[in-house]
N, C-alpha and C. Protein backbone atom coordinates (compact mmCIF):
# COMPACT_ATOMS: atom_id res chain seq x y z
N MET A 1 74.50 107.86 55.43
CA MET A 1 75.66 107.32 56.14
C MET A 1 75.36 106.13 57.02
N PRO A 2 75.84 105.03 56.75
CA PRO A 2 75.65 103.79 57.57
C PRO A 2 76.34 104.01 59.04
N LEU A 3 75.45 103.66 59.94
CA LEU A 3 75.94 103.72 61.57
C LEU A 3 76.61 102.30 61.86
N THR A 4 77.78 102.39 62.62
CA THR A 4 78.33 101.04 62.85
C THR A 4 78.23 101.07 64.50
N GLU A 5 77.69 100.10 64.97
CA GLU A 5 77.69 99.90 66.37
C GLU A 5 78.95 99.48 66.94
N ILE A 6 79.22 100.11 68.23
CA ILE A 6 80.50 99.96 68.76
C ILE A 6 80.46 98.80 69.62
N ASP A 7 81.56 97.86 69.60
CA ASP A 7 81.65 96.68 70.42
C ASP A 7 82.79 96.90 71.24
N PHE A 8 82.49 96.95 72.46
CA PHE A 8 83.43 97.10 73.45
C PHE A 8 83.69 95.64 74.03
N SER A 9 84.39 94.82 73.21
CA SER A 9 84.63 93.46 73.69
C SER A 9 85.70 93.32 74.89
N GLY A 10 85.55 92.10 75.46
CA GLY A 10 86.43 91.78 76.64
C GLY A 10 86.06 92.52 77.72
N ALA A 11 87.13 93.05 78.51
CA ALA A 11 87.01 93.69 79.82
C ALA A 11 86.83 95.29 79.53
N ALA A 12 87.02 95.54 78.34
CA ALA A 12 86.86 97.13 78.17
C ALA A 12 85.57 97.78 78.50
N GLN A 13 85.75 98.83 79.31
CA GLN A 13 84.58 99.40 79.65
C GLN A 13 84.60 100.75 79.34
N PRO A 14 83.45 101.23 78.70
CA PRO A 14 83.30 102.60 78.31
C PRO A 14 82.81 103.66 79.41
N ILE A 15 83.14 104.79 79.31
CA ILE A 15 82.60 105.70 80.11
C ILE A 15 81.07 106.24 79.68
N ASP A 16 80.27 105.83 80.47
CA ASP A 16 78.67 105.86 79.98
C ASP A 16 78.14 107.24 80.50
N GLY A 17 78.86 107.98 81.32
CA GLY A 17 78.35 109.28 81.66
C GLY A 17 79.08 109.84 82.93
N TYR A 18 78.76 111.12 83.05
CA TYR A 18 79.50 111.80 84.31
C TYR A 18 78.46 112.79 84.75
N ALA A 19 78.53 113.08 86.03
CA ALA A 19 77.58 114.07 86.88
C ALA A 19 78.41 114.87 87.79
N PRO A 20 78.05 115.93 88.49
CA PRO A 20 78.76 116.59 89.39
C PRO A 20 79.33 115.48 90.33
N GLY A 21 80.62 115.31 90.63
CA GLY A 21 81.10 114.30 91.64
C GLY A 21 81.10 112.88 91.25
N ALA A 22 80.83 112.50 90.09
CA ALA A 22 80.54 110.92 89.96
C ALA A 22 80.73 110.63 88.42
N PHE A 23 80.98 109.49 88.05
CA PHE A 23 81.16 108.76 86.75
C PHE A 23 80.37 107.61 86.90
N ARG A 24 79.77 107.18 85.61
CA ARG A 24 79.14 106.02 85.40
C ARG A 24 80.13 105.19 84.18
N ILE A 25 80.64 104.07 84.79
CA ILE A 25 81.51 103.51 83.89
C ILE A 25 81.22 101.88 83.96
N GLY A 26 81.03 101.58 82.54
CA GLY A 26 80.49 100.16 82.33
C GLY A 26 79.39 99.74 83.36
N GLY A 27 78.30 100.75 83.44
CA GLY A 27 77.22 100.61 84.17
C GLY A 27 77.40 100.65 85.79
N ARG A 28 78.51 101.04 86.17
CA ARG A 28 78.76 101.14 87.43
C ARG A 28 78.93 102.61 87.91
N VAL A 29 78.49 103.01 89.09
CA VAL A 29 78.73 104.55 89.47
C VAL A 29 79.89 104.52 90.49
N LEU A 30 80.96 105.48 90.08
CA LEU A 30 81.98 105.75 91.14
C LEU A 30 82.04 107.11 91.28
N HIS A 31 82.25 107.46 92.49
CA HIS A 31 82.40 108.83 92.94
C HIS A 31 83.67 109.24 93.18
N GLY A 32 84.06 110.63 92.87
CA GLY A 32 85.20 110.99 92.96
C GLY A 32 86.18 111.01 91.86
N ALA A 33 87.33 111.12 91.98
CA ALA A 33 88.42 111.02 90.75
C ALA A 33 88.44 109.43 90.47
N VAL A 34 88.59 109.21 89.15
CA VAL A 34 88.67 107.84 88.77
C VAL A 34 89.82 107.70 87.88
N LEU A 35 90.42 106.44 87.71
CA LEU A 35 91.39 106.00 86.70
C LEU A 35 90.66 104.83 85.94
N VAL A 36 90.54 105.07 84.71
CA VAL A 36 89.91 104.27 83.84
C VAL A 36 90.94 103.51 82.85
N THR A 37 91.00 102.38 82.77
CA THR A 37 91.76 101.58 81.59
C THR A 37 90.89 100.58 80.98
N PRO A 38 91.38 100.11 79.82
CA PRO A 38 90.56 99.03 79.06
C PRO A 38 90.52 97.71 80.19
N MET A 39 91.26 97.75 81.31
CA MET A 39 91.19 96.62 82.06
C MET A 39 90.33 96.80 83.28
N GLY A 40 89.69 97.84 83.49
CA GLY A 40 88.88 98.26 84.60
C GLY A 40 88.88 99.76 85.01
N ALA A 41 87.98 99.99 86.09
CA ALA A 41 88.01 101.28 86.70
C ALA A 41 87.96 101.40 88.02
N GLY A 42 88.60 102.40 88.76
CA GLY A 42 88.42 102.48 90.17
C GLY A 42 89.05 103.82 90.65
N PRO A 43 89.01 104.13 92.06
CA PRO A 43 89.45 105.41 92.36
C PRO A 43 90.75 105.76 92.03
N TRP A 44 91.09 107.15 91.95
CA TRP A 44 92.27 107.63 91.54
C TRP A 44 92.63 108.68 92.57
N ALA A 45 93.74 108.54 93.32
CA ALA A 45 94.36 109.62 94.44
C ALA A 45 94.57 110.75 93.97
N GLY A 46 94.72 111.13 92.74
CA GLY A 46 95.06 112.32 92.04
C GLY A 46 96.78 112.49 91.76
N MET A 47 96.94 113.63 91.41
CA MET A 47 98.20 114.09 90.90
C MET A 47 99.36 114.10 91.99
N GLY A 48 99.04 113.88 93.17
CA GLY A 48 99.97 114.11 94.26
C GLY A 48 101.23 113.21 94.46
N ASP A 49 101.17 112.05 94.00
CA ASP A 49 102.27 111.13 93.89
C ASP A 49 102.51 110.76 92.52
N PRO A 50 103.52 111.57 92.09
CA PRO A 50 103.93 111.40 90.52
C PRO A 50 104.25 110.28 89.98
N ALA A 51 104.86 109.26 91.03
CA ALA A 51 105.42 108.13 90.58
C ALA A 51 104.46 106.97 90.66
N ALA A 52 103.19 107.06 91.40
CA ALA A 52 102.30 105.95 91.46
C ALA A 52 101.73 105.56 90.20
N LEU A 53 101.24 106.53 89.37
CA LEU A 53 100.47 106.18 88.19
C LEU A 53 101.42 105.53 87.06
N PRO A 54 102.56 106.23 86.88
CA PRO A 54 103.32 105.53 85.70
C PRO A 54 103.75 104.07 86.16
N ALA A 55 103.94 103.88 87.33
CA ALA A 55 104.27 102.36 87.76
C ALA A 55 103.10 101.54 87.48
N ALA A 56 101.88 101.96 87.75
CA ALA A 56 100.78 101.25 87.51
C ALA A 56 100.41 100.93 86.15
N LEU A 57 100.63 101.96 85.15
CA LEU A 57 100.35 101.87 83.74
C LEU A 57 101.49 101.50 82.80
N ALA A 58 102.76 101.60 83.35
CA ALA A 58 103.92 101.48 82.28
C ALA A 58 103.49 99.84 81.54
N GLY A 59 103.83 99.97 80.19
CA GLY A 59 103.83 98.89 79.56
C GLY A 59 102.47 98.41 79.39
N GLN A 60 101.17 99.02 79.70
CA GLN A 60 99.78 98.60 79.49
C GLN A 60 99.33 99.71 78.50
N VAL A 61 99.60 101.17 78.71
CA VAL A 61 98.96 102.00 77.89
C VAL A 61 100.16 102.98 77.21
N ASP A 62 99.65 103.39 76.06
CA ASP A 62 100.56 104.43 75.36
C ASP A 62 100.35 105.88 75.71
N VAL A 63 98.79 106.06 76.06
CA VAL A 63 98.46 107.39 76.20
C VAL A 63 97.53 107.61 77.27
N LEU A 64 97.77 108.76 78.17
CA LEU A 64 96.83 108.78 79.37
C LEU A 64 96.10 110.29 79.03
N PHE A 65 94.94 110.22 79.03
CA PHE A 65 93.94 111.40 78.91
C PHE A 65 93.80 111.81 80.52
N VAL A 66 94.10 112.97 80.58
CA VAL A 66 93.98 113.52 82.06
C VAL A 66 92.65 114.65 82.03
N GLY A 67 91.58 114.16 82.65
CA GLY A 67 90.55 115.24 82.85
C GLY A 67 90.70 116.00 83.77
N THR A 68 90.87 117.31 83.70
CA THR A 68 91.35 118.31 84.93
C THR A 68 90.11 119.12 85.19
N GLY A 69 88.72 118.21 85.16
CA GLY A 69 87.54 119.16 85.72
C GLY A 69 86.78 119.70 84.74
N ALA A 70 86.10 120.82 85.16
CA ALA A 70 85.30 121.33 84.23
C ALA A 70 85.88 122.28 82.92
N ALA A 71 87.24 122.74 83.29
CA ALA A 71 87.99 123.46 82.35
C ALA A 71 89.24 122.83 82.28
N MET A 72 90.20 122.95 81.21
CA MET A 72 91.38 122.57 81.17
C MET A 72 92.32 123.19 81.82
N ALA A 73 93.37 122.47 82.53
CA ALA A 73 94.35 123.22 83.58
C ALA A 73 95.56 122.53 83.26
N PRO A 74 96.71 123.22 83.45
CA PRO A 74 97.85 122.59 83.18
C PRO A 74 98.33 121.57 84.34
N LEU A 75 99.11 120.75 83.95
CA LEU A 75 99.55 119.58 84.80
C LEU A 75 100.71 119.94 85.41
N PRO A 76 100.88 119.39 86.83
CA PRO A 76 101.86 119.72 87.37
C PRO A 76 103.33 119.08 86.66
N THR A 77 104.24 119.83 86.73
CA THR A 77 105.53 119.21 85.89
C THR A 77 106.05 117.89 86.43
N ALA A 78 106.16 117.56 87.60
CA ALA A 78 106.51 116.35 88.09
C ALA A 78 105.65 115.08 87.69
N PHE A 79 104.36 115.56 87.66
CA PHE A 79 103.40 114.54 87.15
C PHE A 79 103.63 114.23 85.66
N ARG A 80 103.76 115.21 84.74
CA ARG A 80 103.70 115.16 83.53
C ARG A 80 105.29 114.34 83.20
N THR A 81 106.27 114.76 83.80
CA THR A 81 107.56 114.16 83.56
C THR A 81 107.50 112.69 83.77
N ALA A 82 107.15 112.22 85.19
CA ALA A 82 106.98 110.82 85.42
C ALA A 82 106.33 110.13 84.46
N LEU A 83 105.36 110.46 83.84
CA LEU A 83 104.58 109.90 82.70
C LEU A 83 105.49 109.58 81.62
N GLU A 84 106.00 110.90 81.20
CA GLU A 84 106.94 110.91 79.94
C GLU A 84 108.08 109.82 80.08
N GLU A 85 108.78 109.86 81.30
CA GLU A 85 109.84 108.98 81.51
C GLU A 85 109.42 107.54 81.35
N ALA A 86 108.22 107.25 81.63
CA ALA A 86 107.75 105.91 81.65
C ALA A 86 107.19 105.52 80.36
N GLY A 87 107.44 106.46 79.29
CA GLY A 87 107.10 106.04 77.90
C GLY A 87 105.51 106.27 77.74
N ILE A 88 104.87 107.06 78.48
CA ILE A 88 103.28 107.20 78.60
C ILE A 88 103.02 108.50 78.17
N GLY A 89 102.41 108.75 76.93
CA GLY A 89 102.14 110.01 76.44
C GLY A 89 101.09 110.59 77.30
N VAL A 90 100.99 111.93 77.69
CA VAL A 90 99.78 112.56 78.48
C VAL A 90 99.22 113.70 77.75
N GLU A 91 97.95 113.69 77.99
CA GLU A 91 97.02 114.65 77.15
C GLU A 91 96.05 115.35 78.16
N PRO A 92 96.45 116.51 78.64
CA PRO A 92 95.38 117.11 79.63
C PRO A 92 94.25 117.86 78.83
N MET A 93 93.10 117.63 79.43
CA MET A 93 91.94 118.35 78.85
C MET A 93 90.84 118.39 79.79
N ALA A 94 89.71 119.14 79.48
CA ALA A 94 88.63 119.17 80.38
C ALA A 94 88.08 117.79 80.57
N THR A 95 87.51 117.31 81.59
CA THR A 95 87.00 116.11 81.90
C THR A 95 85.95 115.59 80.85
N PRO A 96 84.99 116.58 80.37
CA PRO A 96 84.04 116.07 79.34
C PRO A 96 84.82 115.63 78.17
N ALA A 97 85.72 116.46 77.57
CA ALA A 97 86.44 116.11 76.55
C ALA A 97 87.30 114.79 76.70
N ALA A 98 87.90 114.60 77.76
CA ALA A 98 88.65 113.32 78.07
C ALA A 98 87.69 112.05 78.27
N CYS A 99 86.58 112.23 78.51
CA CYS A 99 85.54 111.10 78.56
C CYS A 99 85.32 110.73 77.02
N ARG A 100 85.12 111.69 76.15
CA ARG A 100 84.59 111.36 74.88
C ARG A 100 85.97 110.82 73.99
N THR A 101 86.96 111.51 74.22
CA THR A 101 88.18 110.99 73.65
C THR A 101 88.56 109.59 73.87
N TYR A 102 88.64 109.16 75.49
CA TYR A 102 88.90 107.88 75.88
C TYR A 102 87.82 106.82 74.99
N ASN A 103 86.50 107.17 75.11
CA ASN A 103 85.62 106.33 74.41
C ASN A 103 85.88 106.05 72.94
N ILE A 104 86.17 107.14 72.33
CA ILE A 104 86.53 106.91 71.01
C ILE A 104 87.76 106.16 70.54
N CYS A 105 88.81 106.47 71.36
CA CYS A 105 90.20 105.68 71.33
C CYS A 105 89.96 104.19 71.81
N LEU A 106 88.86 103.88 72.72
CA LEU A 106 88.79 102.45 73.17
C LEU A 106 87.97 101.73 72.19
N SER A 107 87.06 102.25 71.50
CA SER A 107 86.36 101.84 70.46
C SER A 107 87.31 101.43 69.49
N GLU A 108 88.39 102.07 69.19
CA GLU A 108 89.52 101.67 68.21
C GLU A 108 90.52 100.62 68.56
N GLY A 109 90.44 100.36 69.73
CA GLY A 109 91.23 99.19 70.33
C GLY A 109 92.63 99.82 70.69
N ARG A 110 92.77 101.26 70.99
CA ARG A 110 93.96 101.72 71.30
C ARG A 110 94.32 101.58 72.81
N ARG A 111 95.60 101.53 73.18
CA ARG A 111 96.08 101.24 74.47
C ARG A 111 96.04 102.63 75.28
N ILE A 112 94.88 102.92 75.79
CA ILE A 112 94.67 104.38 76.43
C ILE A 112 94.42 104.16 77.84
N ALA A 113 94.26 105.15 78.64
CA ALA A 113 93.73 105.10 79.92
C ALA A 113 93.26 106.60 80.07
N ALA A 114 92.39 106.93 81.13
CA ALA A 114 91.90 108.16 81.54
C ALA A 114 91.91 108.33 82.88
N ALA A 115 92.65 109.31 83.56
CA ALA A 115 92.54 109.82 84.87
C ALA A 115 91.60 110.98 85.03
N LEU A 116 90.56 110.86 85.76
CA LEU A 116 89.52 111.88 85.65
C LEU A 116 89.11 112.42 86.69
N ILE A 117 89.12 113.92 87.01
CA ILE A 117 88.79 114.76 88.13
C ILE A 117 87.33 114.97 87.98
N PRO A 118 86.31 114.87 88.57
CA PRO A 118 84.94 115.29 88.34
C PRO A 118 84.74 116.61 88.02
N VAL A 119 83.71 116.71 87.39
CA VAL A 119 83.15 118.29 86.94
C VAL A 119 82.35 118.81 88.15
């Protein structure tokens, strides 16, 4: 089977790795919860303000992968509803799975983002 090198062209930054309490994204280490989009990565305040994230992502992404930590956990209803009303699909999963899924979809050129709680 031939291997194809993934090209993250433009500003797209893959998630290079994660460790307890931190992520390495595009070669940069970020501590705590993070929001990763093809446009960049930065700190994320979490699910406390349900309207903040949809407002920031509306029209830019189609799906948000939410890494809920070491294990999958349900999302608060207000958080999920706010995203869906903004036209953003939301997929909760354990953070390691969210990182892998984000990178695969990013390599395919999809309009995605990941909101990640550290493991």
